[in-house]
Amino acid sequence: MTDKLVIWTFEWVRMTNGPAGFVRDLRLRWACEEAGIDYDVKTVPLVEKTAEHFSRQPFGQVPFIKDGEIEIFESGACLLHIARKSEVLMPRDPFGEAETLQWTIAALNSVETISVPWWFLEVTGAKENGLTNWLESRLSYLEGILGEREWLVSDRFTVADLLMADVLRVEKIRALGDRPASEAYIQRVTNRPAFQKAYAAQMAHFEAADAARNKAGT
């Protein structure tokens, strides 16, 4: 019997004005749901990090995975590992695979590396964080591309769409300007049953943990 792929996330995060619904194990749950890969979810503490946690993720973050003898950290690396297990997420032809890889890395490197610090500075109340024009230019480029195609790679959904839509779906980013093609794209991707199932599962996990903490008075 083959062991299930295991995804680690935090045992609890703050629900009100917190990261629930955006913790990046969601991306991996979603990918497994799309690909029909059986998986388990395990947890590590948010604050009291252990030596075992650091041995699996040297920065004390989540997610990280174990797939048989393979252990991987960083959500992008984990996501590509899962994607390569199924043609649903990663085309088998060399051109389709190359195009999928380039857009997956673009989501991480050309968009998220700007959007995450921009978002962090925004929520801290910075009046001008210096990243707004840079982020708007990247989002404008994407708007032009998404206005011409349904998916990033040819005529089919891939892991690149999963990741790009997850990067773009943050409400503050969606509110930054009027981008109808991008908004339609986000809706198209996040309306997929696999996203809905993965999102509901993550929220149920953190809601249960939050209720337990409130009951215990912690």
Protein backbone atom coordinates (compact mmCIF):
# COMPACT_ATOMS: atom_id res chain seq x y z
CA MET A 1 0.00 0.00 0.00
CA THR A 2 1.41 3.39 -0.99
CA ASP A 3 1.58 6.00 1.74
CA LYS A 4 -0.51 9.09 1.23
CA LEU A 5 1.22 12.36 0.43
CA VAL A 6 1.34 14.40 3.65
CA ILE A 7 0.91 18.19 3.76
CA TRP A 8 1.90 20.10 6.90
CA THR A 9 0.23 23.31 7.96
CA PHE A 10 -0.08 25.29 11.20
CA GLU A 11 -2.34 23.87 13.88
CA TRP A 12 -3.91 27.32 14.34
CA VAL A 13 -3.81 30.83 12.90
CA ARG A 14 -5.80 33.92 13.79
CA MET A 15 -9.22 33.96 12.12
CA THR A 16 -10.23 37.63 12.50
CA ASN A 17 -8.02 39.79 10.26
CA GLY A 18 -5.73 36.81 10.04
CA PRO A 19 -4.30 34.57 7.32
CA ALA A 20 -6.94 31.83 7.43
CA GLY A 21 -7.95 31.05 3.86
CA PHE A 22 -4.56 32.17 2.56
CA VAL A 23 -2.08 29.90 4.37
CA ARG A 24 -0.21 28.30 1.51
CA ASP A 25 -0.96 24.71 2.33
CA LEU A 26 -4.20 25.62 0.52
CA ARG A 27 -2.31 25.61 -2.78
CA LEU A 28 -1.13 22.08 -2.17
CA ARG A 29 -4.52 20.80 -1.01
CA TRP A 30 -6.03 22.39 -4.11
CA ALA A 31 -3.46 20.81 -6.43
CA CYS A 32 -4.10 17.37 -4.92
CA GLU A 33 -7.84 17.84 -5.32
CA GLU A 34 -7.42 18.83 -8.97
CA ALA A 35 -5.17 15.87 -9.68
CA GLY A 36 -7.11 13.30 -7.64
CA ILE A 37 -4.13 12.63 -5.38
CA ASP A 38 -4.95 11.21 -1.96
CA TYR A 39 -3.37 13.19 0.88
CA ASP A 40 -3.34 13.74 4.62
CA VAL A 41 -2.86 17.01 6.49
CA LYS A 42 -0.72 17.23 9.62
CA THR A 43 0.08 20.24 11.78
CA VAL A 44 2.87 22.03 13.58
CA PRO A 45 2.55 24.81 16.20
CA LEU A 46 2.42 28.39 14.96
CA VAL A 47 4.53 29.87 17.77
CA GLU A 48 6.32 27.16 19.74
CA LYS A 49 8.30 25.76 16.84
CA THR A 50 10.18 22.53 17.43
CA ALA A 51 13.54 21.22 16.26
CA GLU A 52 11.68 18.69 14.11
CA HIS A 53 9.79 21.52 12.41
CA PHE A 54 13.06 23.30 11.57
CA SER A 55 14.56 20.04 10.34
CA ARG A 56 11.75 19.86 7.75
CA GLN A 57 11.44 23.60 7.02
CA PRO A 58 14.61 25.57 7.90
CA PHE A 59 12.72 28.88 8.17
CA GLY A 60 10.02 27.53 10.48
CA GLN A 61 7.28 28.10 7.91
CA VAL A 62 4.59 26.00 6.25
CA PRO A 63 3.73 24.21 4.11
CA PHE A 64 6.08 21.32 3.60
CA ILE A 65 5.32 17.84 2.31
CA LYS A 66 6.38 14.23 2.52
CA ASP A 67 5.72 12.00 -0.45
CA GLY A 68 7.14 8.57 0.27
CA GLU A 69 10.84 9.12 0.81
CA ILE A 70 10.75 12.62 -0.67
CA GLU A 71 10.48 15.63 1.66
CA ILE A 72 10.14 19.15 0.22
CA PHE A 73 9.63 22.63 1.64
CA GLU A 74 8.60 25.93 -0.04
CA SER A 75 5.10 26.03 -1.50
CA GLY A 76 6.30 26.58 -5.06
CA ALA A 77 8.59 23.56 -4.99
CA CYS A 78 5.90 21.43 -3.33
CA LEU A 79 3.37 22.57 -5.91
CA LEU A 80 5.59 21.68 -8.85
CA HIS A 81 6.28 18.27 -7.32
CA ILE A 82 2.56 17.59 -7.06
CA ALA A 83 1.90 19.00 -10.54
CA ARG A 84 4.43 16.68 -12.13
CA LYS A 85 2.48 13.71 -10.82
CA SER A 86 -0.53 14.47 -13.02
CA GLU A 87 -1.15 15.62 -16.58
CA VAL A 88 -4.17 17.48 -15.21
CA LEU A 89 -1.78 20.11 -13.85
CA MET A 90 1.33 19.74 -15.99
CA PRO A 91 1.22 19.03 -19.75
CA ARG A 92 3.40 16.15 -20.86
CA ASP A 93 4.56 17.68 -24.12
CA PRO A 94 7.85 19.63 -23.86
CA PHE A 95 6.40 22.93 -25.07
CA GLY A 96 3.39 22.78 -22.78
CA GLU A 97 5.55 21.84 -19.82
CA ALA A 98 8.01 24.67 -20.50
CA GLU A 99 5.20 27.20 -20.83
CA THR A 100 3.60 25.97 -17.61
CA LEU A 101 6.90 26.22 -15.76
CA GLN A 102 7.57 29.76 -16.97
CA TRP A 103 4.15 31.02 -15.86
CA THR A 104 4.38 29.21 -12.53
CA ILE A 105 7.70 30.89 -11.81
CA ALA A 106 6.31 34.21 -13.07
CA ALA A 107 3.52 34.02 -10.49
CA LEU A 108 6.07 33.53 -7.74
CA ASN A 109 8.89 35.73 -8.98
CA SER A 110 7.33 38.54 -11.02
CA VAL A 111 4.07 39.05 -9.13
CA GLU A 112 4.12 37.59 -5.62
CA THR A 113 7.54 38.96 -4.71
CA ILE A 114 6.01 42.42 -5.16
CA SER A 115 2.44 41.79 -4.01
CA VAL A 116 3.32 40.26 -0.64
CA PRO A 117 5.54 43.10 0.64
CA TRP A 118 3.09 45.63 -0.85
CA TRP A 119 0.20 43.98 1.01
CA PHE A 120 2.20 43.79 4.24
CA LEU A 121 3.07 47.47 4.12
CA GLU A 122 -0.53 48.35 3.26
CA VAL A 123 -1.95 46.56 6.29
CA THR A 124 0.60 48.25 8.54
CA GLY A 125 -0.83 51.60 7.44
CA ALA A 126 2.12 52.88 5.41
CA LYS A 127 0.97 55.99 3.52
CA GLU A 128 3.25 55.36 0.55
CA ASN A 129 5.18 52.13 0.52
CA GLY A 130 7.02 52.71 -2.74
CA LEU A 131 5.77 49.49 -4.32
CA THR A 132 2.36 50.56 -5.60
CA ASN A 133 3.46 51.73 -9.06
CA TRP A 134 5.62 48.65 -9.51
CA LEU A 135 2.78 46.30 -8.55
CA GLU A 136 0.26 48.19 -10.70
CA SER A 137 2.53 47.86 -13.72
CA ARG A 138 2.81 44.09 -13.27
CA LEU A 139 -0.95 43.77 -12.81
CA SER A 140 -1.53 45.88 -15.92
CA TYR A 141 0.69 43.60 -17.99
CA LEU A 142 -1.26 40.60 -16.72
CA GLU A 143 -4.57 42.32 -17.48
CA GLY A 144 -3.54 42.66 -21.11
CA ILE A 145 -2.55 39.00 -21.32
CA LEU A 146 -5.68 37.73 -19.58
CA GLY A 147 -7.82 39.88 -21.84
CA GLU A 148 -6.62 37.77 -24.78
CA ARG A 149 -6.77 34.25 -23.36
CA GLU A 150 -8.81 32.09 -20.99
CA TRP A 151 -5.82 30.33 -19.43
CA LEU A 152 -2.14 31.16 -19.15
CA VAL A 153 -1.00 28.06 -21.04
CA SER A 154 -2.60 27.34 -24.42
CA ASP A 155 -6.28 26.46 -24.01
CA ARG A 156 -6.24 24.53 -20.72
CA PHE A 157 -6.03 24.96 -16.97
CA THR A 158 -2.65 24.12 -15.42
CA VAL A 159 -0.80 24.54 -12.15
CA ALA A 160 0.27 27.97 -13.43
CA ASP A 161 -3.35 29.15 -13.29
CA LEU A 162 -3.82 27.65 -9.84
CA LEU A 163 -0.85 29.58 -8.52
CA MET A 164 -1.43 32.84 -10.38
CA ALA A 165 -5.08 33.01 -9.31
CA ASP A 166 -4.11 32.32 -5.71
CA VAL A 167 -1.58 35.15 -5.82
CA LEU A 168 -4.13 37.55 -7.36
CA ARG A 169 -7.18 36.72 -5.24
CA VAL A 170 -6.12 38.81 -2.20
CA GLU A 171 -8.85 41.42 -1.76
CA LYS A 172 -6.52 44.41 -1.41
CA ILE A 173 -4.83 43.48 -4.68
CA ARG A 174 -8.17 43.01 -6.44
CA ALA A 175 -9.24 46.47 -5.23
CA LEU A 176 -6.11 48.11 -6.66
CA GLY A 177 -7.51 49.47 -9.93
CA ASP A 178 -10.10 48.20 -12.41
CA ARG A 179 -9.02 45.01 -14.18
CA PRO A 180 -12.09 43.17 -15.49
CA ALA A 181 -10.16 40.46 -17.35
CA SER A 182 -8.12 39.63 -14.26
CA GLU A 183 -11.23 39.60 -12.07
CA ALA A 184 -13.02 37.27 -14.48
CA TYR A 185 -9.93 35.03 -14.47
CA ILE A 186 -9.83 34.89 -10.66
CA GLN A 187 -13.52 34.03 -10.56
CA ARG A 188 -13.10 31.38 -13.26
CA VAL A 189 -10.27 29.66 -11.46
CA THR A 190 -11.57 29.90 -7.89
CA ASN A 191 -15.02 28.66 -8.95
CA ARG A 192 -13.45 25.30 -9.72
CA PRO A 193 -14.78 22.55 -7.39
CA ALA A 194 -11.25 21.58 -6.33
CA PHE A 195 -10.55 25.08 -5.03
CA GLN A 196 -13.88 25.26 -3.24
CA LYS A 197 -13.23 21.92 -1.53
CA ALA A 198 -9.67 22.78 -0.52
CA TYR A 199 -10.65 26.23 0.74
CA ALA A 200 -13.55 24.86 2.79
CA ALA A 201 -11.29 22.22 4.31
CA GLN A 202 -8.65 24.75 5.35
CA MET A 203 -11.23 27.09 6.83
CA ALA A 204 -12.89 24.25 8.73
CA HIS A 205 -9.51 23.24 10.13
CA PHE A 206 -8.65 26.70 11.42
CA GLU A 207 -12.19 27.41 12.63
CA ALA A 208 -12.12 24.23 14.73
CA ALA A 209 -8.70 25.14 16.14
CA ASP A 210 -9.91 28.67 16.92
CA ALA A 211 -13.02 27.35 18.70
CA ALA A 212 -10.87 24.99 20.77
CA ARG A 213 -8.55 27.81 21.80
CA ASN A 214 -11.46 30.07 22.73
CA LYS A 215 -13.02 27.28 24.80
CA ALA A 216 -9.72 26.73 26.59
CA GLY A 217 -9.31 30.48 27.10
CA THR A 218 -5.96 30.70 25.32
